[in-house]
Amino acid sequence: MGKVDTHVHTQFSGYSKLGALKFPESVISPEVQVDNARRLGYDVLCITDHDETAGGFVAEKYARQFDDIEIIVGEEVMTNEGEVIGLFLNERVKPMLSPEETIDIIREQGGLTIAPHPFSVHVEGLKERCLDLDLDGIETINGGHPDEYSNRFAQMVCDRHPGRWAEISGSDAHSVYTSGFNWTEFDGNTAEDFRRAVLNKTTRAVGRPAPVFTQVQWSVEVVLGGQKLLMKALKGPLEGHPDDQLINKINSINNPMKGAGLVGGTIYLFPPIVCLATLLSTKYLEIKAREAIKQIPERLKVVDRILREVDAKAKELAAMGITSVAEFTDAINPIKNDRMF
């Protein structure tokens, strides 16, 4: 039985914004993520940085020295309607295209398509768009979603429509602290075995989301790691991979801004601030999940209706001799305009 983490980030994932604040998504190198995956006993690791494949290629090169793990180069691509993960990529996919364009580019590279956290209450998932797109799999367990709704609803959708998508469990780990709690199992132990299992819809989503305290560890790690880099950058430009968004960002800001970042990070690290941020974020997720849970019965009806329409259209197109994925996707796109959520 093979084990794969299908959704892992490195320092190549760049920055996120929280109001006026900017912070690194990760300060972990691709090499460290490979070493951690080996420690956890994974056979395959997918590096899926935000809108970037460079970290995946770094990890792939590093892992060639080992015979107990394979790296799949991937990317978590932001489309104009939510995120799509492409796996088995040869090059970067440009962000902010339509989901259809993004999926076509992934397919042209021979890649697989996965919907990460499709029904998330706090990040950009595809929501009901995942129902009429050419997707191979859906994350039914995302390690970064400890709320009571997001993973639960994705699993409910897959349970009501078995065999439609491969069920995927990815850690969405931006740190070594948040990995190891969930993974995807498949028959075999190679990357190609995993590809085959996804296409045959025989994968098994295993585990649970990472505990909240590991997310706190991640946030502290990001701040401390960022501060170390800022301090080094005050002495001179940092050296790194030309596509490393974290290094490039730090090198682009002036010394006064670097100093301000050091002060802000130090303030965050005081225990009361960290604890308050954790309580507020946890409460926010609880409120969003409660609101979403109330809508489950009605939302499932919408899901069922959309999929009936998709299947009816597929039969109609098959009768007309349309069999290619591209033609099929283009033909069913009008269905997407009728959404409740």
Protein backbone atom coordinates (compact mmCIF):
# COMPACT_ATOMS: atom_id res chain seq x y z
CA MET A 1 0.00 0.00 0.00
CA GLY A 2 1.57 3.27 -1.13
CA LYS A 3 1.36 6.58 0.74
CA VAL A 4 1.44 10.00 -0.89
CA ASP A 5 1.00 13.54 0.36
CA THR A 6 -0.62 15.26 -2.60
CA HIS A 7 -0.54 18.86 -1.36
CA VAL A 8 2.65 20.32 0.15
CA HIS A 9 4.14 23.84 0.05
CA THR A 10 7.63 25.29 0.34
CA GLN A 11 9.19 28.74 0.53
CA PHE A 12 8.54 29.00 -3.21
CA SER A 13 4.85 29.62 -2.41
CA GLY A 14 5.46 33.32 -1.88
CA TYR A 15 3.41 35.67 0.26
CA SER A 16 -0.16 36.06 1.45
CA LYS A 17 -1.94 39.21 2.49
CA LEU A 18 -4.01 39.80 5.61
CA GLY A 19 -5.28 43.34 5.27
CA ALA A 20 -2.21 45.58 5.14
CA LEU A 21 0.04 42.78 6.42
CA LYS A 22 2.07 40.45 4.23
CA PHE A 23 3.58 37.21 5.46
CA PRO A 24 5.37 34.22 3.86
CA GLU A 25 3.23 31.21 3.09
CA SER A 26 6.16 29.01 4.08
CA VAL A 27 9.83 29.31 5.05
CA ILE A 28 10.56 25.61 4.51
CA SER A 29 12.90 24.59 1.69
CA PRO A 30 11.94 21.88 -0.81
CA GLU A 31 14.80 19.75 0.50
CA VAL A 32 13.45 19.86 4.06
CA GLN A 33 9.99 18.84 2.86
CA VAL A 34 11.54 15.85 1.07
CA ASP A 35 13.46 14.83 4.18
CA ASN A 36 10.30 15.15 6.28
CA ALA A 37 8.28 13.03 3.84
CA ARG A 38 10.92 10.30 3.99
CA ARG A 39 10.82 10.44 7.79
CA LEU A 40 7.04 9.96 7.66
CA GLY A 41 7.39 6.93 5.40
CA TYR A 42 5.78 8.39 2.28
CA ASP A 43 6.49 6.75 -1.06
CA VAL A 44 5.52 9.80 -3.10
CA LEU A 45 5.46 13.52 -2.36
CA CYS A 46 3.72 16.20 -4.43
CA ILE A 47 5.16 19.71 -4.19
CA THR A 48 2.30 22.08 -5.02
CA ASP A 49 3.44 25.62 -4.40
CA HIS A 50 1.11 28.53 -5.08
CA ASP A 51 1.33 29.50 -8.75
CA GLU A 52 4.86 28.09 -9.05
CA THR A 53 6.58 24.83 -10.04
CA ALA A 54 10.21 25.81 -9.35
CA GLY A 55 10.20 24.38 -5.82
CA GLY A 56 8.91 21.10 -7.17
CA PHE A 57 11.80 20.81 -9.59
CA VAL A 58 14.27 21.61 -6.79
CA ALA A 59 12.71 18.86 -4.66
CA GLU A 60 12.72 16.41 -7.58
CA LYS A 61 16.43 16.99 -8.23
CA TYR A 62 17.29 16.65 -4.53
CA ALA A 63 15.30 13.41 -4.17
CA ARG A 64 17.14 11.64 -7.00
CA GLN A 65 19.79 10.57 -4.50
CA PHE A 66 17.23 8.50 -2.57
CA ASP A 67 15.58 5.25 -3.61
CA ASP A 68 12.67 5.37 -1.14
CA ILE A 69 10.70 8.39 -2.41
CA GLU A 70 9.53 9.95 -5.69
CA ILE A 71 8.60 13.59 -6.23
CA ILE A 72 5.70 14.75 -8.36
CA VAL A 73 6.03 18.32 -9.57
CA GLY A 74 2.73 20.11 -9.07
CA GLU A 75 1.24 23.54 -8.66
CA GLU A 76 -1.73 24.96 -6.79
CA VAL A 77 -2.99 27.35 -9.44
CA MET A 78 -5.28 30.26 -8.64
CA THR A 79 -7.92 30.55 -11.37
CA ASN A 80 -10.49 33.31 -11.57
CA GLU A 81 -12.98 31.02 -9.83
CA GLY A 82 -10.89 29.21 -7.23
CA GLU A 83 -7.83 26.99 -6.98
CA VAL A 84 -6.93 23.91 -9.02
CA ILE A 85 -4.01 21.58 -8.34
CA GLY A 86 -2.11 20.25 -11.32
CA LEU A 87 0.14 17.20 -10.81
CA PHE A 88 2.83 15.71 -13.08
CA LEU A 89 3.66 19.10 -14.57
CA ASN A 90 6.54 20.02 -16.85
CA GLU A 91 6.24 23.78 -16.47
CA ARG A 92 4.46 26.51 -14.54
CA VAL A 93 0.81 27.25 -15.25
CA LYS A 94 -0.08 30.92 -15.41
CA PRO A 95 -2.53 32.00 -12.66
CA MET A 96 -5.85 33.84 -12.94
CA LEU A 97 -7.05 32.11 -16.09
CA SER A 98 -10.47 30.48 -16.18
CA PRO A 99 -10.72 27.00 -14.63
CA GLU A 100 -11.29 25.56 -18.11
CA GLU A 101 -8.15 27.20 -19.53
CA THR A 102 -6.11 26.13 -16.52
CA ILE A 103 -7.27 22.52 -16.78
CA ASP A 104 -6.60 22.47 -20.53
CA ILE A 105 -2.99 23.61 -19.92
CA ILE A 106 -2.52 20.94 -17.25
CA ARG A 107 -3.92 18.29 -19.61
CA GLU A 108 -1.59 19.42 -22.40
CA GLN A 109 1.31 18.58 -20.06
CA GLY A 110 -0.14 15.14 -19.35
CA GLY A 111 -1.10 16.20 -15.84
CA LEU A 112 -3.78 15.25 -13.35
CA THR A 113 -6.29 17.75 -12.00
CA ILE A 114 -7.41 17.94 -8.38
CA ALA A 115 -9.85 20.28 -6.63
CA PRO A 116 -8.22 21.35 -3.34
CA HIS A 117 -10.52 22.21 -0.44
CA PRO A 118 -13.44 22.70 -2.89
CA PHE A 119 -16.02 23.69 -0.26
CA SER A 120 -13.75 25.63 2.08
CA VAL A 121 -15.30 28.25 4.33
CA HIS A 122 -12.16 30.38 4.41
CA VAL A 123 -9.99 29.93 1.30
CA GLU A 124 -10.57 29.96 -2.45
CA GLY A 125 -12.14 26.65 -3.43
CA LEU A 126 -13.98 25.92 -6.67
CA LYS A 127 -17.25 25.30 -4.83
CA GLU A 128 -19.94 23.99 -7.20
CA ARG A 129 -17.71 24.67 -10.21
CA CYS A 130 -15.89 21.43 -9.38
CA LEU A 131 -19.01 19.55 -10.44
CA ASP A 132 -18.90 20.37 -14.16
CA LEU A 133 -15.15 20.59 -14.73
CA ASP A 134 -12.77 17.92 -16.03
CA LEU A 135 -11.33 16.97 -12.64
CA ASP A 136 -9.67 13.70 -11.71
CA GLY A 137 -9.97 14.06 -7.95
CA ILE A 138 -11.42 16.04 -5.08
CA GLU A 139 -9.86 16.61 -1.70
CA THR A 140 -12.19 15.07 0.84
CA ILE A 141 -9.60 15.66 3.57
CA ASN A 142 -7.55 18.84 3.57
CA GLY A 143 -5.14 19.02 6.49
CA GLY A 144 -5.51 22.77 6.85
CA HIS A 145 -9.26 22.64 7.47
CA PRO A 146 -10.05 21.69 11.09
CA ASP A 147 -13.56 23.16 10.87
CA GLU A 148 -16.59 20.89 11.00
CA TYR A 149 -17.88 21.69 7.53
CA SER A 150 -15.34 21.91 4.68
CA ASN A 151 -14.03 18.33 4.54
CA ARG A 152 -17.32 16.89 5.76
CA PHE A 153 -19.32 18.37 2.90
CA ALA A 154 -16.76 17.33 0.28
CA GLN A 155 -16.99 13.75 1.58
CA MET A 156 -20.79 13.88 1.53
CA VAL A 157 -20.73 14.92 -2.12
CA CYS A 158 -18.38 12.05 -3.02
CA ASP A 159 -20.41 9.55 -1.00
CA ARG A 160 -23.59 10.53 -2.88
CA HIS A 161 -21.82 10.15 -6.22
CA PRO A 162 -19.30 7.31 -5.76
CA GLY A 163 -16.70 6.64 -8.42
CA ARG A 164 -17.04 10.05 -10.00
CA TRP A 165 -13.77 11.42 -8.64
CA ALA A 166 -10.71 10.01 -6.92
CA GLU A 167 -10.91 10.83 -3.22
CA ILE A 168 -7.80 12.70 -2.17
CA SER A 169 -6.30 13.53 1.23
CA GLY A 170 -3.58 16.19 1.20
CA SER A 171 -1.93 17.87 4.14
CA ASP A 172 -1.75 21.34 2.54
CA ALA A 173 1.32 21.57 4.76
CA HIS A 174 3.25 24.82 4.72
CA SER A 175 5.43 23.49 7.54
CA VAL A 176 6.79 20.18 8.78
CA TYR A 177 4.61 20.67 11.86
CA THR A 178 1.37 20.40 9.86
CA SER A 179 2.18 17.25 7.87
CA GLY A 180 1.88 13.60 8.80
CA PHE A 181 -1.72 13.73 10.00
CA ASN A 182 -3.38 12.83 6.69
CA TRP A 183 -2.37 11.31 3.34
CA THR A 184 -3.68 9.38 0.33
CA GLU A 185 -3.22 5.63 0.00
CA PHE A 186 -3.03 3.75 -3.30
CA ASP A 187 -2.20 0.30 -4.62
CA GLY A 188 1.50 0.10 -5.45
CA ASN A 189 4.23 2.46 -4.31
CA THR A 190 5.43 4.51 -7.29
CA ALA A 191 4.34 7.81 -8.77
CA GLU A 192 2.95 6.00 -11.80
CA ASP A 193 1.02 3.64 -9.53
CA PHE A 194 -0.49 6.71 -7.90
CA ARG A 195 -1.38 8.21 -11.28
CA ARG A 196 -3.09 4.96 -12.24
CA ALA A 197 -5.04 4.85 -8.97
CA VAL A 198 -6.29 8.40 -9.47
CA LEU A 199 -7.43 7.66 -13.00
CA ASN A 200 -9.12 4.44 -11.84
CA LYS A 201 -10.68 6.24 -8.85
CA THR A 202 -9.26 3.71 -6.38
CA THR A 203 -7.38 6.04 -4.03
CA ARG A 204 -8.21 6.14 -0.33
CA ALA A 205 -8.31 9.37 1.67
CA VAL A 206 -6.81 8.72 5.13
CA GLY A 207 -6.29 10.69 8.32
CA ARG A 208 -7.55 13.92 9.83
CA PRO A 209 -6.76 17.64 9.67
CA ALA A 210 -3.71 18.88 11.54
CA PRO A 211 -4.47 20.00 15.13
CA VAL A 212 -4.87 23.72 15.70
CA PHE A 213 -1.70 23.93 17.79
CA THR A 214 0.36 22.82 14.76
CA GLN A 215 -1.04 25.75 12.81
CA VAL A 216 0.20 27.99 15.63
CA GLN A 217 3.62 26.36 15.33
CA TRP A 218 3.54 27.08 11.60
CA SER A 219 2.72 30.76 12.16
CA VAL A 220 5.54 31.15 14.69
CA GLU A 221 7.91 29.33 12.32
CA VAL A 222 6.97 31.67 9.49
CA VAL A 223 7.60 34.75 11.64
CA LEU A 224 10.92 33.50 13.02
CA GLY A 225 12.09 32.30 9.62
CA GLY A 226 11.11 35.58 8.02
CA GLN A 227 12.93 37.55 10.69
CA LYS A 228 16.13 35.55 10.18
CA LEU A 229 16.01 36.27 6.46
CA LEU A 230 15.28 39.96 7.05
CA MET A 231 18.29 40.23 9.36
CA LYS A 232 20.53 38.59 6.77
CA ALA A 233 19.14 40.89 4.07
CA LEU A 234 20.09 43.96 6.11
CA LYS A 235 23.72 42.97 5.51
CA GLY A 236 23.25 42.52 1.77
CA PRO A 237 21.03 40.90 -0.90
CA LEU A 238 20.07 37.30 -0.26
CA GLU A 239 21.15 34.64 -2.72
CA GLY A 240 18.70 32.05 -3.92
CA HIS A 241 16.83 30.46 -6.80
CA PRO A 242 15.67 33.08 -9.35
CA ASP A 243 12.04 31.92 -8.95
CA ASP A 244 12.06 31.91 -5.13
CA GLN A 245 9.31 34.44 -4.42
CA LEU A 246 10.22 34.74 -0.74
CA ILE A 247 13.85 35.66 -1.39
CA ASN A 248 12.89 37.97 -4.25
CA LYS A 249 10.35 39.79 -2.10
CA ILE A 250 12.77 40.37 0.78
CA ASN A 251 15.45 41.62 -1.61
CA SER A 252 12.96 44.06 -3.16
CA ILE A 253 12.11 46.00 0.02
CA ASN A 254 14.24 48.78 1.52
CA ASN A 255 16.01 48.61 4.87
CA PRO A 256 13.42 50.72 6.78
CA MET A 257 10.70 48.28 5.67
CA LYS A 258 12.89 45.34 6.69
CA GLY A 259 13.26 46.95 10.12
CA ALA A 260 9.51 47.43 10.37
CA GLY A 261 9.04 43.75 9.54
CA LEU A 262 11.40 42.74 12.32
CA VAL A 263 9.50 44.89 14.83
CA GLY A 264 6.11 43.58 13.72
CA GLY A 265 7.30 39.99 13.90
CA THR A 266 8.67 40.49 17.39
CA ILE A 267 5.34 41.89 18.57
CA TYR A 268 3.48 38.90 17.12
CA LEU A 269 5.72 36.44 18.95
CA PHE A 270 4.64 37.66 22.40
CA PRO A 271 2.49 34.83 23.86
CA PRO A 272 -0.64 36.96 24.40
CA ILE A 273 -0.66 37.99 20.73
CA VAL A 274 -0.15 34.44 19.46
CA CYS A 275 -2.88 33.12 21.77
CA LEU A 276 -5.30 35.88 20.80
CA ALA A 277 -4.71 35.30 17.09
CA THR A 278 -5.34 31.57 17.58
CA LEU A 279 -8.57 32.14 19.52
CA LEU A 280 -9.88 34.65 16.98
CA SER A 281 -9.11 32.47 13.97
CA THR A 282 -10.63 29.38 15.64
CA LYS A 283 -13.77 31.29 16.55
CA TYR A 284 -14.05 32.66 13.02
CA LEU A 285 -13.91 29.15 11.56
CA GLU A 286 -16.52 27.91 14.05
CA ILE A 287 -18.93 30.67 13.06
CA LYS A 288 -18.41 30.12 9.32
CA ALA A 289 -18.83 26.35 9.71
CA ARG A 290 -22.06 26.70 11.71
CA GLU A 291 -23.52 28.93 9.04
CA ALA A 292 -22.53 26.51 6.28
CA ILE A 293 -23.83 23.42 8.10
CA LYS A 294 -27.31 24.92 8.15
CA GLN A 295 -27.25 25.02 4.36
CA ILE A 296 -26.18 21.40 3.82
CA PRO A 297 -29.62 19.93 2.89
CA GLU A 298 -30.35 22.62 0.32
CA ARG A 299 -26.81 22.64 -1.01
CA LEU A 300 -26.86 18.87 -1.56
CA LYS A 301 -30.01 19.29 -3.63
CA VAL A 302 -28.16 21.81 -5.79
CA VAL A 303 -25.22 19.43 -6.17
CA ASP A 304 -27.51 16.58 -7.21
CA ARG A 305 -29.34 18.79 -9.71
CA ILE A 306 -26.15 20.06 -11.31
CA LEU A 307 -24.75 16.56 -11.70
CA ARG A 308 -28.02 15.31 -13.23
CA GLU A 309 -27.75 18.11 -15.77
CA VAL A 310 -24.10 17.28 -16.46
CA ASP A 311 -24.91 13.59 -16.98
CA ALA A 312 -27.88 14.36 -19.21
CA LYS A 313 -25.75 16.66 -21.32
CA ALA A 314 -23.01 14.03 -21.53
CA LYS A 315 -25.51 11.48 -22.88
CA GLU A 316 -26.79 13.99 -25.39
CA LEU A 317 -23.29 14.79 -26.59
CA ALA A 318 -22.32 11.13 -26.77
CA ALA A 319 -25.31 10.55 -29.03
CA MET A 320 -23.96 13.36 -31.24
CA GLY A 321 -20.54 11.73 -31.37
CA ILE A 322 -18.77 14.26 -29.14
CA THR A 323 -16.32 12.32 -27.03
CA SER A 324 -13.30 14.55 -26.37
CA VAL A 325 -12.95 16.11 -22.93
CA ALA A 326 -12.42 19.59 -24.38
CA GLU A 327 -15.56 19.49 -26.50
CA PHE A 328 -17.54 18.04 -23.62
CA THR A 329 -16.36 20.69 -21.15
CA ASP A 330 -17.10 23.54 -23.56
CA ALA A 331 -20.56 22.17 -24.19
CA ILE A 332 -21.60 21.84 -20.54
CA ASN A 333 -20.24 25.22 -19.43
CA PRO A 334 -23.66 26.93 -19.58
CA ILE A 335 -24.63 24.82 -16.56
CA LYS A 336 -22.22 26.82 -14.41
CA ASN A 337 -24.35 29.96 -14.63
CA ASP A 338 -27.05 28.51 -12.41
CA ARG A 339 -25.63 28.47 -8.89
CA MET A 340 -27.02 29.05 -5.45
CA PHE A 341 -23.78 29.19 -3.44
